[in-house]
C-alpha cells in the first residue's frame, strides 16, 4: 500500500517532466516565430511608408520640373564638352569679344563625398540598409583665349560667372596687344584698347550615382525634396557681378595709361 502511495507522486512528477520536456521546445519555437513575425511586420510597415514617400517625392519632382532641369543642367552627369564649346562661344559673341582659342585638358577629381557609411540598423527596420556609391564631382579644365576691350572682357567674365554650369575660374592672364603684333580680327581690330586674355576655367560634372535596389535610402522617408539650394542657385545666376566703384585716384580701366 505504501509503495502504491509512493508510486503515484513519482508518476505525476515524471509525467510533468515529460510534458515540460516536449512543450518547452515547442513554446520557445512559437515565441521565436512570433518575434520574427513582429520584425517582419515592422519591416513591412517601413516599406509601405517609404513606398508612399516615393510616390510623394515623384509628385513633388513632377511639380518642380524647372528646378529639376536647372539642377541637372548646372551639374550634369557627363563631360558635355560640345555643350561647353557652344556655351563659351555664345558667351564670347554676346560679350563682343573674339574667341581665339579654346583647349581642353585632362579632367581631375574635384571632391569625394563619401555617402556609403552604413547606419546601425534597428531590428525590424530598413533604415540604414540603403547604400549609394561614393559621390564624385569631376572637372574638365578649359583654357580660353580671347581678344577684346577691357569692358567687354569684364562682361565675358560676368557671363561665365552666371552661366548655368557649375564652374570655377582658376586663373586669368590679361595683357595689352601691340598694334604691330598683327593680331587684328574683323570683330576686334587691333588698337591700344584691345587686350589679350587667357582664362582657365574648370567646368564640373557629377559622376553617375549607383544605389542599391531597396527601400533603405534615407531620402525615401521624406515627403518632398529640399530645393533651397536650387533657389539660391537661381538667385546667383540672375545676379550680375557688382560694378567696382572707382575712387578719386583710381581708374575704371587699369590698362589705360
Protein backbone atom coordinates (compact mmCIF):
# COMPACT_ATOMS: atom_id res chain seq x y z
CA UNK A 1 0.00 0.00 0.00
CA UNK A 2 2.81 2.35 0.92
CA UNK A 3 4.53 1.54 -2.36
CA UNK A 4 1.38 2.43 -4.27
CA UNK A 5 1.11 5.73 -2.46
CA UNK A 6 4.74 6.50 -3.21
CA UNK A 7 4.46 5.46 -6.86
CA UNK A 8 1.64 7.91 -7.61
CA UNK A 9 3.54 11.17 -6.89
CA UNK A 10 6.58 9.81 -8.69
CA UNK A 11 4.44 9.06 -11.74
CA UNK A 12 2.97 12.56 -11.60
CA UNK A 13 6.43 14.15 -11.41
CA UNK A 14 7.68 12.03 -14.30
CA UNK A 15 4.62 12.90 -16.37
CA UNK A 16 5.04 16.61 -15.69
CA UNK A 17 8.73 16.41 -16.58
CA UNK A 18 7.92 14.65 -19.84
CA UNK A 19 5.24 17.20 -20.67
CA UNK A 20 7.61 20.10 -19.94
CA UNK A 21 10.32 18.39 -21.98
CA UNK A 22 8.02 18.22 -25.01
CA UNK A 23 6.22 21.54 -24.58
CA UNK A 24 9.17 23.79 -23.70
CA UNK A 25 10.95 23.50 -27.10
CA UNK A 26 7.65 23.99 -28.90
CA UNK A 27 6.92 27.07 -26.77
CA UNK A 28 10.37 28.51 -27.49
CA UNK A 29 9.89 27.88 -31.19
CA UNK A 30 6.49 29.59 -31.14
CA UNK A 31 7.95 32.57 -29.25
CA UNK A 32 10.81 32.87 -31.75
CA UNK A 33 8.40 32.75 -34.67
CA UNK A 34 6.21 35.37 -33.02
CA UNK A 35 9.22 37.68 -32.53
CA UNK A 36 10.26 37.17 -36.15
CA UNK A 37 6.73 37.94 -37.26
CA UNK A 38 6.81 41.22 -35.34
CA UNK A 39 10.09 42.13 -37.05
CA UNK A 40 8.63 41.30 -40.47
CA UNK A 41 5.53 43.34 -39.71
CA UNK A 42 7.68 46.33 -38.71
CA UNK A 43 9.78 45.94 -41.86
CA UNK A 44 6.63 45.77 -43.98
CA UNK A 45 5.31 48.91 -42.29
CA UNK A 46 8.57 50.74 -43.03
CA UNK A 47 8.48 49.60 -46.66
CA UNK A 48 4.89 50.79 -47.11
CA UNK A 49 5.71 54.16 -45.54
CA UNK A 50 8.73 54.60 -47.77
CA UNK A 51 6.73 53.49 -50.79
CA UNK A 52 4.29 56.29 -50.01
CA UNK A 53 7.30 58.59 -49.63
CA UNK A 54 8.49 57.64 -53.12
CA UNK A 55 5.07 58.50 -54.53
CA UNK A 56 5.16 61.86 -52.73
CA UNK A 57 8.70 62.54 -53.98
CA UNK A 58 7.68 61.69 -57.54
CA UNK A 59 4.77 64.12 -57.35
CA UNK A 60 7.00 66.77 -55.79
CA UNK A 61 9.53 66.33 -58.60
CA UNK A 62 6.83 66.50 -61.28
CA UNK A 63 5.63 69.82 -59.87
CA UNK A 64 9.15 71.26 -59.87
CA UNK A 65 10.35 70.35 -63.36
CA UNK A 66 12.05 73.71 -63.87
CA UNK A 67 14.11 73.32 -60.70
CA UNK A 68 14.98 69.72 -61.60
CA UNK A 69 16.07 70.82 -65.08
CA UNK A 70 18.24 73.62 -63.68
CA UNK A 71 19.93 71.28 -61.19
CA UNK A 72 20.69 68.71 -63.90
CA UNK A 73 21.94 71.41 -66.26
CA UNK A 74 24.10 73.10 -63.62
CA UNK A 75 25.79 69.87 -62.54
CA UNK A 76 25.28 67.32 -65.34
CA UNK A 77 26.20 63.64 -65.30
CA UNK A 78 28.63 63.77 -68.25
CA UNK A 79 31.59 65.80 -69.52
CA UNK A 80 29.45 67.64 -72.13
CA UNK A 81 32.50 69.08 -74.00
CA UNK A 82 30.42 70.02 -77.04
CA UNK A 83 27.97 71.95 -74.88
CA UNK A 84 30.86 73.74 -73.15
CA UNK A 85 32.20 74.82 -76.54
CA UNK A 86 28.79 76.12 -77.61
CA UNK A 87 28.24 77.92 -74.30
CA UNK A 88 31.67 79.59 -74.32
CA UNK A 89 31.33 80.62 -77.97
CA UNK A 90 27.86 82.10 -77.39
CA UNK A 91 29.13 83.90 -74.28
CA UNK A 92 32.01 85.38 -76.30
CA UNK A 93 29.65 86.57 -79.04
CA UNK A 94 27.22 88.08 -76.53
CA UNK A 95 30.14 89.80 -74.75
CA UNK A 96 31.55 91.16 -78.05
CA UNK A 97 34.97 89.60 -77.64
CA UNK A 98 36.83 87.42 -80.15
CA UNK A 99 37.36 83.79 -79.20
CA UNK A 100 40.88 82.96 -80.43
CA UNK A 101 41.39 79.51 -78.97
CA UNK A 102 39.68 77.01 -76.69
CA UNK A 103 41.58 73.99 -75.38
CA UNK A 104 40.52 71.14 -73.10
CA UNK A 105 42.91 69.47 -70.70
CA UNK A 106 42.76 66.30 -68.62
CA UNK A 107 39.94 66.07 -66.16
CA UNK A 108 40.61 65.85 -62.44
CA UNK A 109 38.83 64.74 -59.32
CA UNK A 110 37.31 67.75 -57.58
CA UNK A 111 35.99 66.13 -54.43
CA UNK A 112 34.85 62.91 -52.87
CA UNK A 113 31.65 62.92 -50.88
CA UNK A 114 31.51 59.52 -49.14
CA UNK A 115 27.90 58.52 -48.78
CA UNK A 116 28.12 54.80 -48.26
CA UNK A 117 28.51 54.72 -44.46
CA UNK A 118 26.04 52.21 -43.11
CA UNK A 119 23.98 53.21 -40.08
CA UNK A 120 23.23 50.90 -37.16
CA UNK A 121 20.09 49.07 -38.11
CA UNK A 122 17.29 48.67 -35.62
CA UNK A 123 15.72 45.23 -35.54
CA UNK A 124 12.83 45.15 -37.96
CA UNK A 125 13.74 48.49 -39.54
CA UNK A 126 15.05 49.05 -43.05
CA UNK A 127 16.63 52.37 -42.08
CA UNK A 128 20.35 52.22 -42.62
CA UNK A 129 20.18 49.48 -45.25
CA UNK A 130 20.29 51.92 -48.13
CA UNK A 131 23.70 52.33 -49.66
CA UNK A 132 24.90 54.50 -52.52
CA UNK A 133 28.26 54.66 -54.20
CA UNK A 134 30.78 57.36 -53.34
CA UNK A 135 29.65 60.61 -54.97
CA UNK A 136 32.38 62.09 -57.14
CA UNK A 137 32.48 65.55 -58.69
CA UNK A 138 34.95 65.74 -61.57
CA UNK A 139 36.05 68.68 -63.62
CA UNK A 140 37.03 69.42 -67.20
CA UNK A 141 39.66 72.15 -67.46
CA UNK A 142 39.27 74.58 -70.34
CA UNK A 143 41.78 77.23 -71.41
CA UNK A 144 40.08 80.13 -73.21
CA UNK A 145 41.98 82.74 -75.22
CA UNK A 146 40.17 85.98 -76.01
CA UNK A 147 40.78 89.30 -77.71
CA UNK A 148 38.74 92.39 -76.87
CA UNK A 149 38.40 95.55 -74.85
CA UNK A 150 38.69 95.68 -71.08
CA UNK A 151 34.99 96.47 -70.69
CA UNK A 152 33.97 93.53 -72.87
CA UNK A 153 36.36 91.22 -71.01
CA UNK A 154 34.57 92.14 -67.80
CA UNK A 155 31.24 91.37 -69.42
CA UNK A 156 32.55 87.98 -70.57
CA UNK A 157 33.79 87.07 -67.09
CA UNK A 158 30.47 88.13 -65.59
CA UNK A 159 28.61 85.94 -68.08
CA UNK A 160 30.86 82.97 -67.27
CA UNK A 161 30.20 83.53 -63.56
CA UNK A 162 26.43 83.49 -64.04
CA UNK A 163 26.45 80.67 -66.60
CA UNK A 164 24.09 77.79 -65.82
CA UNK A 165 27.07 75.47 -65.42
CA UNK A 166 28.97 74.65 -62.26
CA UNK A 167 32.39 76.20 -62.93
CA UNK A 168 35.42 77.68 -61.24
CA UNK A 169 37.60 80.36 -62.82
CA UNK A 170 41.03 79.26 -61.63
CA UNK A 171 43.25 81.86 -63.32
CA UNK A 172 43.13 84.96 -65.53
CA UNK A 173 46.06 86.38 -67.51
CA UNK A 174 45.43 89.69 -69.30
CA UNK A 175 47.95 91.64 -71.35
CA UNK A 176 47.89 94.55 -73.78
CA UNK A 177 48.07 93.90 -77.51
CA UNK A 178 50.58 95.87 -79.51
CA UNK A 179 49.37 97.43 -82.74
CA UNK A 180 52.25 95.87 -84.63
CA UNK A 181 51.52 92.34 -83.47
CA UNK A 182 49.33 91.65 -86.47
CA UNK A 183 46.58 90.03 -84.40
CA UNK A 184 43.80 92.04 -85.92
CA UNK A 185 40.42 90.36 -86.43
CA UNK A 186 37.24 91.52 -88.10
CA UNK A 187 35.37 91.58 -84.79
CA UNK A 188 38.17 93.21 -82.77
CA UNK A 189 40.64 95.34 -84.77
CA UNK A 190 43.98 95.89 -83.09
CA UNK A 191 44.05 99.17 -81.17
CA UNK A 192 45.59 100.34 -77.93
CA UNK A 193 42.32 99.45 -76.18
CA UNK A 194 42.42 95.77 -77.14
CA UNK A 195 43.60 93.17 -74.67
CA UNK A 196 44.51 89.51 -74.91
CA UNK A 197 43.25 87.29 -72.11
CA UNK A 198 43.88 83.67 -71.21
CA UNK A 199 41.25 82.38 -68.80
CA UNK A 200 41.40 78.92 -67.22
CA UNK A 201 38.00 77.59 -66.22
CA UNK A 202 37.08 74.27 -64.64
CA UNK A 203 33.63 73.01 -65.61
CA UNK A 204 32.32 70.41 -63.19
CA UNK A 205 30.12 67.38 -63.65
CA UNK A 206 28.76 64.67 -61.39
CA UNK A 207 29.61 61.03 -61.94
CA UNK A 208 26.54 58.74 -62.02
CA UNK A 209 25.32 57.71 -58.57
CA UNK A 210 24.63 54.00 -58.12
CA UNK A 211 22.22 52.96 -55.36
CA UNK A 212 21.14 49.51 -54.28
CA UNK A 213 17.62 48.50 -55.18
CA UNK A 214 15.83 48.53 -51.86
CA UNK A 215 13.87 50.99 -49.74
CA UNK A 216 16.70 51.69 -47.30
CA UNK A 217 17.79 55.08 -48.68
CA UNK A 218 17.06 57.86 -46.21
CA UNK A 219 15.58 60.10 -48.91
CA UNK A 220 12.63 57.71 -49.26
CA UNK A 221 11.47 58.60 -45.75
CA UNK A 222 10.88 62.22 -46.83
CA UNK A 223 7.77 63.65 -48.43
CA UNK A 224 9.46 66.28 -50.58
CA UNK A 225 12.84 67.35 -51.90
CA UNK A 226 14.79 70.25 -50.45
CA UNK A 227 15.05 72.76 -53.30
CA UNK A 228 16.53 75.54 -51.17
CA UNK A 229 19.94 75.14 -52.84
CA UNK A 230 18.32 75.39 -56.26
CA UNK A 231 16.58 78.59 -55.15
CA UNK A 232 19.95 80.02 -54.10
CA UNK A 233 21.39 78.93 -57.44
CA UNK A 234 18.60 80.68 -59.34
CA UNK A 235 19.27 83.83 -57.36
CA UNK A 236 23.01 83.62 -58.05
CA UNK A 237 22.84 83.15 -61.81
CA UNK A 238 20.39 86.03 -62.22
CA UNK A 239 22.64 88.47 -60.38
CA UNK A 240 25.39 90.39 -62.11
CA UNK A 241 28.81 90.99 -60.62
CA UNK A 242 28.61 94.39 -58.89
CA UNK A 243 30.46 97.25 -60.53
CA UNK A 244 33.71 98.35 -58.93
CA UNK A 245 33.50 101.85 -57.50
CA UNK A 246 36.38 103.94 -58.79
CA UNK A 247 37.85 106.30 -56.21
CA UNK A 248 39.26 109.76 -56.77
CA UNK A 249 42.69 108.35 -57.63
CA UNK A 250 41.53 105.12 -59.27
CA UNK A 251 40.95 104.21 -62.92
CA UNK A 252 37.98 102.45 -64.50
CA UNK A 253 40.42 100.67 -66.82
CA UNK A 254 43.81 99.77 -65.28
CA UNK A 255 45.28 99.10 -68.74
CA UNK A 256 44.79 102.67 -69.93
CA UNK A 257 47.73 104.99 -69.18
